[in-house]
Amino acid sequence: MASSKRADRNWVKTLGAIQEERGISPTGDGWKKLEELREMMGCGTQKAYKIINEGVSLGQIEVFQGSEANSYGRIVRRIWYKVKE
């Protein structure tokens, strides 16, 4: 017996929601990923890492190591950054 496409979409939607809940992301406002910071600064990856790492070593930037679903739905490690207040 073949399943309907509607039932398959419901499965995909439900499994996708469960997959997204498995990630560990920071709570609160102000957290940004490297990609967002690169766009804000208008520089490349290596320069962004250099600037961020310098801020972390000076104690000006806070780091959160967590995980989230990537574009393929797999859980991958992610790092978020936030300016310390």
C-alpha atoms as a PDB file:
ATOM      1  CA  MET A   1       0.000   0.000   0.000  1.00  0.00           C
ATOM      2  CA  ALA A   2       1.459   3.321  -1.066  1.00  0.00           C
ATOM      3  CA  SER A   3       1.403   6.332   1.227  1.00  0.00           C
ATOM      4  CA  SER A   4      -0.053   9.631   0.141  1.00  0.00           C
ATOM      5  CA  LYS A   5       2.107  12.662  -0.520  1.00  0.00           C
ATOM      6  CA  ARG A   6       0.199  14.559   2.167  1.00  0.00           C
ATOM      7  CA  ALA A   7       1.142  11.945   4.759  1.00  0.00           C
ATOM      8  CA  ASP A   8       4.767  12.140   3.619  1.00  0.00           C
ATOM      9  CA  ARG A   9       4.761  15.943   4.018  1.00  0.00           C
ATOM     10  CA  ASN A  10       3.408  15.572   7.546  1.00  0.00           C
ATOM     11  CA  TRP A  11       6.220  13.143   8.345  1.00  0.00           C
ATOM     12  CA  VAL A  12       8.829  15.527   6.948  1.00  0.00           C
ATOM     13  CA  LYS A  13       7.370  18.467   8.874  1.00  0.00           C
ATOM     14  CA  THR A  14       7.216  16.524  12.146  1.00  0.00           C
ATOM     15  CA  LEU A  15      10.706  15.040  11.812  1.00  0.00           C
ATOM     16  CA  GLY A  16      12.119  18.438  10.838  1.00  0.00           C
ATOM     17  CA  ALA A  17      10.632  20.040  13.951  1.00  0.00           C
ATOM     18  CA  ILE A  18      12.094  17.303  16.148  1.00  0.00           C
ATOM     19  CA  GLN A  19      15.498  17.711  14.482  1.00  0.00           C
ATOM     20  CA  GLU A  20      15.517  21.478  15.113  1.00  0.00           C
ATOM     21  CA  GLU A  21      14.696  20.975  18.798  1.00  0.00           C
ATOM     22  CA  ARG A  22      17.808  18.818  19.240  1.00  0.00           C
ATOM     23  CA  GLY A  23      20.184  21.761  18.791  1.00  0.00           C
ATOM     24  CA  ILE A  24      21.656  23.716  21.690  1.00  0.00           C
ATOM     25  CA  SER A  25      21.587  27.454  21.038  1.00  0.00           C
ATOM     26  CA  PRO A  26      22.245  30.390  23.362  1.00  0.00           C
ATOM     27  CA  THR A  27      19.413  32.126  25.165  1.00  0.00           C
ATOM     28  CA  GLY A  28      18.987  35.862  25.244  1.00  0.00           C
ATOM     29  CA  ASP A  29      19.629  38.630  22.757  1.00  0.00           C
ATOM     30  CA  GLY A  30      22.786  39.772  21.065  1.00  0.00           C
ATOM     31  CA  TRP A  31      24.288  36.409  20.066  1.00  0.00           C
ATOM     32  CA  LYS A  32      25.714  36.308  16.529  1.00  0.00           C
ATOM     33  CA  LYS A  33      27.374  33.621  14.421  1.00  0.00           C
ATOM     34  CA  LEU A  34      30.576  34.255  12.491  1.00  0.00           C
ATOM     35  CA  GLU A  35      28.722  34.635   9.182  1.00  0.00           C
ATOM     36  CA  GLU A  36      26.586  37.450  10.586  1.00  0.00           C
ATOM     37  CA  LEU A  37      29.610  39.219  12.066  1.00  0.00           C
ATOM     38  CA  ARG A  38      31.523  38.919   8.790  1.00  0.00           C
ATOM     39  CA  GLU A  39      28.690  40.642   6.938  1.00  0.00           C
ATOM     40  CA  MET A  40      28.539  43.408   9.558  1.00  0.00           C
ATOM     41  CA  MET A  41      32.317  43.982   9.456  1.00  0.00           C
ATOM     42  CA  GLY A  42      32.638  43.578   5.693  1.00  0.00           C
ATOM     43  CA  CYS A  43      35.693  41.326   5.851  1.00  0.00           C
ATOM     44  CA  GLY A  44      36.739  37.753   5.136  1.00  0.00           C
ATOM     45  CA  THR A  45      36.682  34.721   7.381  1.00  0.00           C
ATOM     46  CA  GLN A  46      40.307  34.807   8.527  1.00  0.00           C
ATOM     47  CA  LYS A  47      40.262  38.508   9.417  1.00  0.00           C
ATOM     48  CA  ALA A  48      36.955  38.091  11.255  1.00  0.00           C
ATOM     49  CA  TYR A  49      38.371  35.187  13.306  1.00  0.00           C
ATOM     50  CA  LYS A  50      41.480  37.231  14.107  1.00  0.00           C
ATOM     51  CA  ILE A  51      39.427  40.205  15.337  1.00  0.00           C
ATOM     52  CA  ILE A  52      36.970  38.031  17.298  1.00  0.00           C
ATOM     53  CA  ASN A  53      39.743  35.971  18.931  1.00  0.00           C
ATOM     54  CA  GLU A  54      41.488  39.175  19.987  1.00  0.00           C
ATOM     55  CA  GLY A  55      38.235  40.403  21.565  1.00  0.00           C
ATOM     56  CA  VAL A  56      37.809  37.076  23.358  1.00  0.00           C
ATOM     57  CA  SER A  57      41.360  37.190  24.743  1.00  0.00           C
ATOM     58  CA  LEU A  58      40.787  40.771  25.950  1.00  0.00           C
ATOM     59  CA  GLY A  59      37.594  39.670  27.712  1.00  0.00           C
ATOM     60  CA  GLN A  60      35.341  41.878  25.585  1.00  0.00           C
ATOM     61  CA  ILE A  61      33.550  39.089  23.710  1.00  0.00           C
ATOM     62  CA  GLU A  62      31.714  36.111  25.210  1.00  0.00           C
ATOM     63  CA  VAL A  63      31.660  32.723  23.429  1.00  0.00           C
ATOM     64  CA  PHE A  64      28.915  30.070  23.422  1.00  0.00           C
ATOM     65  CA  GLN A  65      29.583  26.637  21.916  1.00  0.00           C
ATOM     66  CA  GLY A  66      26.418  24.856  20.887  1.00  0.00           C
ATOM     67  CA  SER A  67      24.801  23.077  17.964  1.00  0.00           C
ATOM     68  CA  GLU A  68      22.034  23.530  15.407  1.00  0.00           C
ATOM     69  CA  ALA A  69      20.697  21.926  12.256  1.00  0.00           C
ATOM     70  CA  ASN A  70      22.563  22.802   9.061  1.00  0.00           C
ATOM     71  CA  SER A  71      21.004  23.228   5.616  1.00  0.00           C
ATOM     72  CA  TYR A  72      20.780  19.426   5.244  1.00  0.00           C
ATOM     73  CA  GLY A  73      19.067  18.951   8.598  1.00  0.00           C
ATOM     74  CA  ARG A  74      22.078  17.435  10.355  1.00  0.00           C
ATOM     75  CA  ILE A  75      23.062  18.638  13.811  1.00  0.00           C
ATOM     76  CA  VAL A  76      26.437  20.384  13.628  1.00  0.00           C
ATOM     77  CA  ARG A  77      28.532  22.328  16.107  1.00  0.00           C
ATOM     78  CA  ARG A  78      28.177  26.110  16.028  1.00  0.00           C
ATOM     79  CA  ILE A  79      29.805  28.958  17.927  1.00  0.00           C
ATOM     80  CA  TRP A  80      27.979  32.143  18.844  1.00  0.00           C
ATOM     81  CA  TYR A  81      29.586  35.390  19.990  1.00  0.00           C
ATOM     82  CA  LYS A  82      28.250  38.236  22.131  1.00  0.00           C
ATOM     83  CA  VAL A  83      29.719  41.512  23.350  1.00  0.00           C
ATOM     84  CA  LYS A  84      30.089  41.400  27.133  1.00  0.00           C
ATOM     85  CA  GLU A  85      28.177  44.068  28.982  1.00  0.00           C
END
